[in-house]
Amino acid sequence: MAQLSQNELEQIQSYLAQQGVTFNATSTDATKRETIYAAVNQLTRNPAQVFGYRLDDFNFSRVAYHLGYNIATVPAGDYARLLEASNSIPSEYYFDKIVQQIERCE
């Protein structure tokens, strides 16, 4: 990764602060720099994908029920992946297949 200028690092740090990332007052510049580089790396490795189809609340609750995600013991990361997947369905074909599978489970 290319080295960022001090001005670019400050801009990214202010953006991260708006997103809820906090830095301790005792954080060194090296610690701040590592945090910023980790955030930039994460953003560039996993860009958000936006597709045209998503499950409505009714079908999402049906999927969550049949997968057993309606209980409190499901890890937050697994639930987040389910949310992300249900909000980023690539085409109408896959949307129809998901709804068809939900119907089969009913």
N, C-alpha and C. Protein backbone atom coordinates (compact mmCIF):
# COMPACT_ATOMS: atom_id res chain seq x y z
N MET A 1 0.86 -1.17 0.00
CA MET A 1 0.00 0.00 0.00
C MET A 1 0.90 1.23 0.00
N ALA A 2 0.53 2.22 -0.76
CA ALA A 2 1.32 3.46 -0.85
C ALA A 2 1.23 4.23 0.47
N GLN A 3 2.27 4.97 0.75
CA GLN A 3 2.28 5.81 1.95
C GLN A 3 1.35 6.99 1.74
N LEU A 4 0.56 7.30 2.75
CA LEU A 4 -0.35 8.42 2.69
C LEU A 4 0.31 9.64 3.31
N SER A 5 -0.06 10.80 2.80
CA SER A 5 0.48 12.04 3.38
C SER A 5 -0.21 12.31 4.72
N GLN A 6 0.36 13.21 5.49
CA GLN A 6 -0.21 13.56 6.79
C GLN A 6 -1.61 14.12 6.63
N ASN A 7 -1.84 14.92 5.60
CA ASN A 7 -3.15 15.50 5.35
C ASN A 7 -4.17 14.40 5.03
N GLU A 8 -3.78 13.43 4.21
CA GLU A 8 -4.69 12.34 3.88
C GLU A 8 -5.01 11.50 5.11
N LEU A 9 -4.01 11.25 5.95
CA LEU A 9 -4.25 10.50 7.18
C LEU A 9 -5.23 11.23 8.10
N GLU A 10 -5.10 12.54 8.20
CA GLU A 10 -6.01 13.32 9.04
C GLU A 10 -7.43 13.30 8.48
N GLN A 11 -7.57 13.35 7.16
CA GLN A 11 -8.90 13.28 6.55
C GLN A 11 -9.55 11.92 6.82
N ILE A 12 -8.76 10.86 6.68
CA ILE A 12 -9.30 9.53 6.93
C ILE A 12 -9.65 9.38 8.41
N GLN A 13 -8.81 9.91 9.28
CA GLN A 13 -9.08 9.83 10.71
C GLN A 13 -10.37 10.56 11.06
N SER A 14 -10.61 11.72 10.46
CA SER A 14 -11.86 12.44 10.74
C SER A 14 -13.06 11.68 10.19
N TYR A 15 -12.90 11.03 9.03
CA TYR A 15 -13.98 10.21 8.49
C TYR A 15 -14.29 9.04 9.42
N LEU A 16 -13.23 8.37 9.89
CA LEU A 16 -13.42 7.24 10.80
C LEU A 16 -14.08 7.68 12.10
N ALA A 17 -13.74 8.86 12.57
CA ALA A 17 -14.38 9.38 13.78
C ALA A 17 -15.87 9.57 13.56
N GLN A 18 -16.26 10.02 12.36
CA GLN A 18 -17.68 10.17 12.03
C GLN A 18 -18.38 8.81 11.99
N GLN A 19 -17.62 7.77 11.65
CA GLN A 19 -18.19 6.42 11.57
C GLN A 19 -18.19 5.70 12.91
N GLY A 20 -17.66 6.34 13.94
CA GLY A 20 -17.70 5.76 15.27
C GLY A 20 -16.38 5.18 15.76
N VAL A 21 -15.32 5.27 14.94
CA VAL A 21 -14.02 4.78 15.38
C VAL A 21 -13.38 5.85 16.25
N THR A 22 -13.01 5.47 17.45
CA THR A 22 -12.43 6.46 18.37
C THR A 22 -10.96 6.16 18.60
N PHE A 23 -10.22 7.20 18.85
CA PHE A 23 -8.81 7.09 19.17
C PHE A 23 -8.62 7.62 20.59
N ASN A 24 -7.83 6.93 21.38
CA ASN A 24 -7.52 7.40 22.73
C ASN A 24 -6.64 8.63 22.66
N ALA A 25 -6.75 9.47 23.67
CA ALA A 25 -5.90 10.65 23.72
C ALA A 25 -4.43 10.26 23.85
N THR A 26 -4.18 9.08 24.40
CA THR A 26 -2.80 8.62 24.59
C THR A 26 -2.28 7.81 23.40
N SER A 27 -3.11 7.66 22.36
CA SER A 27 -2.68 6.90 21.19
C SER A 27 -1.52 7.61 20.51
N THR A 28 -0.52 6.84 20.17
CA THR A 28 0.61 7.43 19.44
C THR A 28 0.25 7.57 17.97
N ASP A 29 1.04 8.33 17.25
CA ASP A 29 0.81 8.47 15.82
C ASP A 29 0.93 7.13 15.11
N ALA A 30 1.86 6.31 15.56
CA ALA A 30 2.03 5.00 14.94
C ALA A 30 0.78 4.14 15.13
N THR A 31 0.18 4.19 16.31
CA THR A 31 -1.05 3.43 16.57
C THR A 31 -2.19 3.94 15.70
N LYS A 32 -2.31 5.27 15.61
CA LYS A 32 -3.35 5.85 14.76
C LYS A 32 -3.14 5.45 13.31
N ARG A 33 -1.88 5.50 12.88
CA ARG A 33 -1.57 5.15 11.50
C ARG A 33 -1.92 3.70 11.20
N GLU A 34 -1.60 2.80 12.13
CA GLU A 34 -1.92 1.38 11.95
C GLU A 34 -3.44 1.16 11.88
N THR A 35 -4.18 1.87 12.73
CA THR A 35 -5.64 1.76 12.72
C THR A 35 -6.20 2.25 11.39
N ILE A 36 -5.68 3.35 10.91
CA ILE A 36 -6.15 3.92 9.65
C ILE A 36 -5.83 2.99 8.49
N TYR A 37 -4.61 2.46 8.45
CA TYR A 37 -4.24 1.54 7.38
C TYR A 37 -5.09 0.26 7.43
N ALA A 38 -5.40 -0.22 8.62
CA ALA A 38 -6.25 -1.40 8.75
C ALA A 38 -7.66 -1.11 8.22
N ALA A 39 -8.18 0.08 8.53
CA ALA A 39 -9.51 0.45 8.05
C ALA A 39 -9.53 0.59 6.54
N VAL A 40 -8.51 1.24 5.98
CA VAL A 40 -8.44 1.39 4.52
C VAL A 40 -8.31 0.03 3.86
N ASN A 41 -7.49 -0.84 4.43
CA ASN A 41 -7.31 -2.18 3.89
C ASN A 41 -8.62 -2.95 3.91
N GLN A 42 -9.36 -2.84 4.99
CA GLN A 42 -10.64 -3.53 5.10
C GLN A 42 -11.63 -2.99 4.08
N LEU A 43 -11.66 -1.68 3.89
CA LEU A 43 -12.59 -1.09 2.94
C LEU A 43 -12.26 -1.49 1.51
N THR A 44 -10.99 -1.57 1.18
CA THR A 44 -10.61 -1.91 -0.20
C THR A 44 -10.71 -3.40 -0.47
N ARG A 45 -10.59 -4.24 0.54
CA ARG A 45 -10.69 -5.68 0.34
C ARG A 45 -12.13 -6.15 0.27
N ASN A 46 -13.02 -5.50 0.99
CA ASN A 46 -14.41 -5.93 1.05
C ASN A 46 -15.35 -4.79 0.68
N PRO A 47 -15.33 -4.35 -0.57
CA PRO A 47 -16.24 -3.26 -0.92
C PRO A 47 -17.70 -3.73 -0.85
N ALA A 48 -18.54 -2.84 -0.46
CA ALA A 48 -19.96 -3.17 -0.36
C ALA A 48 -20.53 -3.42 -1.75
N GLN A 49 -21.27 -4.47 -1.88
CA GLN A 49 -21.89 -4.79 -3.15
C GLN A 49 -23.36 -4.41 -3.06
N VAL A 50 -23.83 -3.75 -4.08
CA VAL A 50 -25.22 -3.32 -4.10
C VAL A 50 -25.90 -3.98 -5.29
N PHE A 51 -26.92 -4.74 -5.00
CA PHE A 51 -27.68 -5.39 -6.04
C PHE A 51 -29.10 -4.88 -6.00
N GLY A 52 -29.86 -5.19 -7.02
CA GLY A 52 -31.19 -4.64 -7.16
C GLY A 52 -32.28 -5.33 -6.36
N TYR A 53 -32.01 -6.50 -5.80
CA TYR A 53 -33.07 -7.24 -5.13
C TYR A 53 -32.71 -7.47 -3.67
N ARG A 54 -33.75 -7.46 -2.84
CA ARG A 54 -33.57 -7.76 -1.43
C ARG A 54 -34.85 -8.40 -0.91
N LEU A 55 -34.73 -9.18 0.14
CA LEU A 55 -35.91 -9.81 0.73
C LEU A 55 -36.68 -8.79 1.56
N ASP A 56 -37.99 -8.85 1.44
CA ASP A 56 -38.81 -7.99 2.29
C ASP A 56 -38.81 -8.56 3.71
N ASP A 57 -39.36 -7.81 4.64
CA ASP A 57 -39.31 -8.20 6.05
C ASP A 57 -40.01 -9.54 6.31
N PHE A 58 -41.12 -9.78 5.63
CA PHE A 58 -41.85 -11.03 5.83
C PHE A 58 -41.01 -12.23 5.41
N ASN A 59 -40.44 -12.17 4.19
CA ASN A 59 -39.63 -13.29 3.72
C ASN A 59 -38.33 -13.42 4.51
N PHE A 60 -37.76 -12.30 4.94
CA PHE A 60 -36.55 -12.38 5.77
C PHE A 60 -36.85 -13.09 7.09
N SER A 61 -37.99 -12.77 7.70
CA SER A 61 -38.32 -13.43 8.97
C SER A 61 -38.57 -14.91 8.76
N ARG A 62 -39.12 -15.29 7.61
CA ARG A 62 -39.32 -16.71 7.31
C ARG A 62 -37.99 -17.43 7.14
N VAL A 63 -37.04 -16.79 6.43
CA VAL A 63 -35.71 -17.37 6.26
C VAL A 63 -35.02 -17.52 7.60
N ALA A 64 -35.07 -16.48 8.42
CA ALA A 64 -34.43 -16.52 9.73
C ALA A 64 -35.04 -17.62 10.60
N TYR A 65 -36.35 -17.79 10.52
CA TYR A 65 -37.01 -18.83 11.30
C TYR A 65 -36.54 -20.22 10.88
N HIS A 66 -36.55 -20.49 9.57
CA HIS A 66 -36.20 -21.82 9.09
C HIS A 66 -34.71 -22.13 9.26
N LEU A 67 -33.88 -21.11 9.31
CA LEU A 67 -32.46 -21.34 9.57
C LEU A 67 -32.16 -21.41 11.07
N GLY A 68 -33.15 -21.13 11.90
CA GLY A 68 -32.95 -21.15 13.34
C GLY A 68 -32.29 -19.89 13.86
N TYR A 69 -32.38 -18.81 13.09
CA TYR A 69 -31.74 -17.55 13.49
C TYR A 69 -32.65 -16.68 14.34
N ASN A 70 -33.77 -17.20 14.76
CA ASN A 70 -34.69 -16.41 15.58
C ASN A 70 -34.44 -16.60 17.07
N ILE A 71 -33.33 -17.25 17.42
CA ILE A 71 -33.00 -17.44 18.82
C ILE A 71 -31.80 -16.56 19.17
N ALA A 72 -31.61 -16.33 20.43
CA ALA A 72 -30.58 -15.39 20.88
C ALA A 72 -29.17 -15.95 20.83
N THR A 73 -29.01 -17.25 20.60
CA THR A 73 -27.68 -17.84 20.65
C THR A 73 -26.93 -17.79 19.32
N VAL A 74 -27.50 -17.17 18.32
CA VAL A 74 -26.83 -17.04 17.03
C VAL A 74 -25.78 -15.94 17.13
N PRO A 75 -24.54 -16.23 16.73
CA PRO A 75 -23.50 -15.20 16.79
C PRO A 75 -23.85 -13.99 15.93
N ALA A 76 -23.45 -12.83 16.38
CA ALA A 76 -23.78 -11.59 15.68
C ALA A 76 -23.21 -11.58 14.26
N GLY A 77 -22.03 -12.15 14.07
CA GLY A 77 -21.42 -12.19 12.74
C GLY A 77 -22.23 -13.01 11.76
N ASP A 78 -22.76 -14.14 12.23
CA ASP A 78 -23.60 -14.98 11.36
C ASP A 78 -24.88 -14.25 10.97
N TYR A 79 -25.48 -13.59 11.95
CA TYR A 79 -26.71 -12.84 11.67
C TYR A 79 -26.43 -11.69 10.70
N ALA A 80 -25.29 -11.04 10.86
CA ALA A 80 -24.92 -9.94 9.97
C ALA A 80 -24.72 -10.45 8.55
N ARG A 81 -24.11 -11.63 8.40
CA ARG A 81 -23.93 -12.20 7.07
C ARG A 81 -25.27 -12.53 6.43
N LEU A 82 -26.22 -13.02 7.24
CA LEU A 82 -27.56 -13.29 6.71
C LEU A 82 -28.22 -11.99 6.25
N LEU A 83 -28.10 -10.94 7.05
CA LEU A 83 -28.67 -9.64 6.66
C LEU A 83 -28.05 -9.14 5.36
N GLU A 84 -26.73 -9.23 5.27
CA GLU A 84 -26.04 -8.76 4.08
C GLU A 84 -26.46 -9.56 2.85
N ALA A 85 -26.56 -10.86 3.01
CA ALA A 85 -26.95 -11.71 1.88
C ALA A 85 -28.39 -11.44 1.45
N SER A 86 -29.27 -11.22 2.40
CA SER A 86 -30.67 -10.98 2.04
C SER A 86 -30.88 -9.59 1.44
N ASN A 87 -29.93 -8.69 1.64
CA ASN A 87 -30.04 -7.35 1.05
C ASN A 87 -29.24 -7.19 -0.23
N SER A 88 -28.59 -8.26 -0.68
CA SER A 88 -27.78 -8.15 -1.89
C SER A 88 -27.98 -9.35 -2.81
N ILE A 89 -29.20 -9.55 -3.22
CA ILE A 89 -29.53 -10.65 -4.13
C ILE A 89 -29.26 -10.18 -5.55
N PRO A 90 -28.42 -10.90 -6.31
CA PRO A 90 -27.93 -10.38 -7.59
C PRO A 90 -28.97 -10.27 -8.70
N SER A 91 -29.98 -11.14 -8.73
CA SER A 91 -30.92 -11.06 -9.85
C SER A 91 -32.28 -11.60 -9.42
N GLU A 92 -33.25 -11.39 -10.29
CA GLU A 92 -34.60 -11.86 -10.03
C GLU A 92 -34.65 -13.39 -10.00
N TYR A 93 -33.79 -14.03 -10.79
CA TYR A 93 -33.73 -15.49 -10.81
C TYR A 93 -33.42 -16.03 -9.41
N TYR A 94 -32.38 -15.50 -8.78
CA TYR A 94 -32.02 -15.96 -7.44
C TYR A 94 -33.07 -15.58 -6.41
N PHE A 95 -33.67 -14.41 -6.56
CA PHE A 95 -34.74 -13.99 -5.65
C PHE A 95 -35.88 -14.99 -5.71
N ASP A 96 -36.29 -15.37 -6.93
CA ASP A 96 -37.38 -16.34 -7.09
C ASP A 96 -37.01 -17.70 -6.50
N LYS A 97 -35.75 -18.11 -6.68
CA LYS A 97 -35.32 -19.39 -6.12
C LYS A 97 -35.35 -19.38 -4.59
N ILE A 98 -34.96 -18.27 -3.99
CA ILE A 98 -35.00 -18.16 -2.53
C ILE A 98 -36.43 -18.24 -2.03
N VAL A 99 -37.33 -17.50 -2.66
CA VAL A 99 -38.74 -17.53 -2.25
C VAL A 99 -39.32 -18.93 -2.46
N GLN A 100 -38.93 -19.59 -3.55
CA GLN A 100 -39.40 -20.95 -3.80
C GLN A 100 -38.92 -21.90 -2.69
N GLN A 101 -37.68 -21.77 -2.26
CA GLN A 101 -37.17 -22.63 -1.19
C GLN A 101 -37.88 -22.34 0.13
N ILE A 102 -38.19 -21.07 0.38
CA ILE A 102 -38.94 -20.73 1.60
C ILE A 102 -40.30 -21.41 1.58
N GLU A 103 -40.96 -21.39 0.43
CA GLU A 103 -42.27 -22.02 0.29
C GLU A 103 -42.17 -23.52 0.55
N ARG A 104 -41.09 -24.13 0.09
CA ARG A 104 -40.92 -25.58 0.31
C ARG A 104 -40.75 -25.89 1.80
N CYS A 105 -40.15 -24.96 2.54
CA CYS A 105 -39.93 -25.19 3.97
C CYS A 105 -41.19 -25.00 4.80
N GLU A 106 -42.15 -24.28 4.27
CA GLU A 106 -43.38 -23.98 5.02
C GLU A 106 -44.22 -25.22 5.23
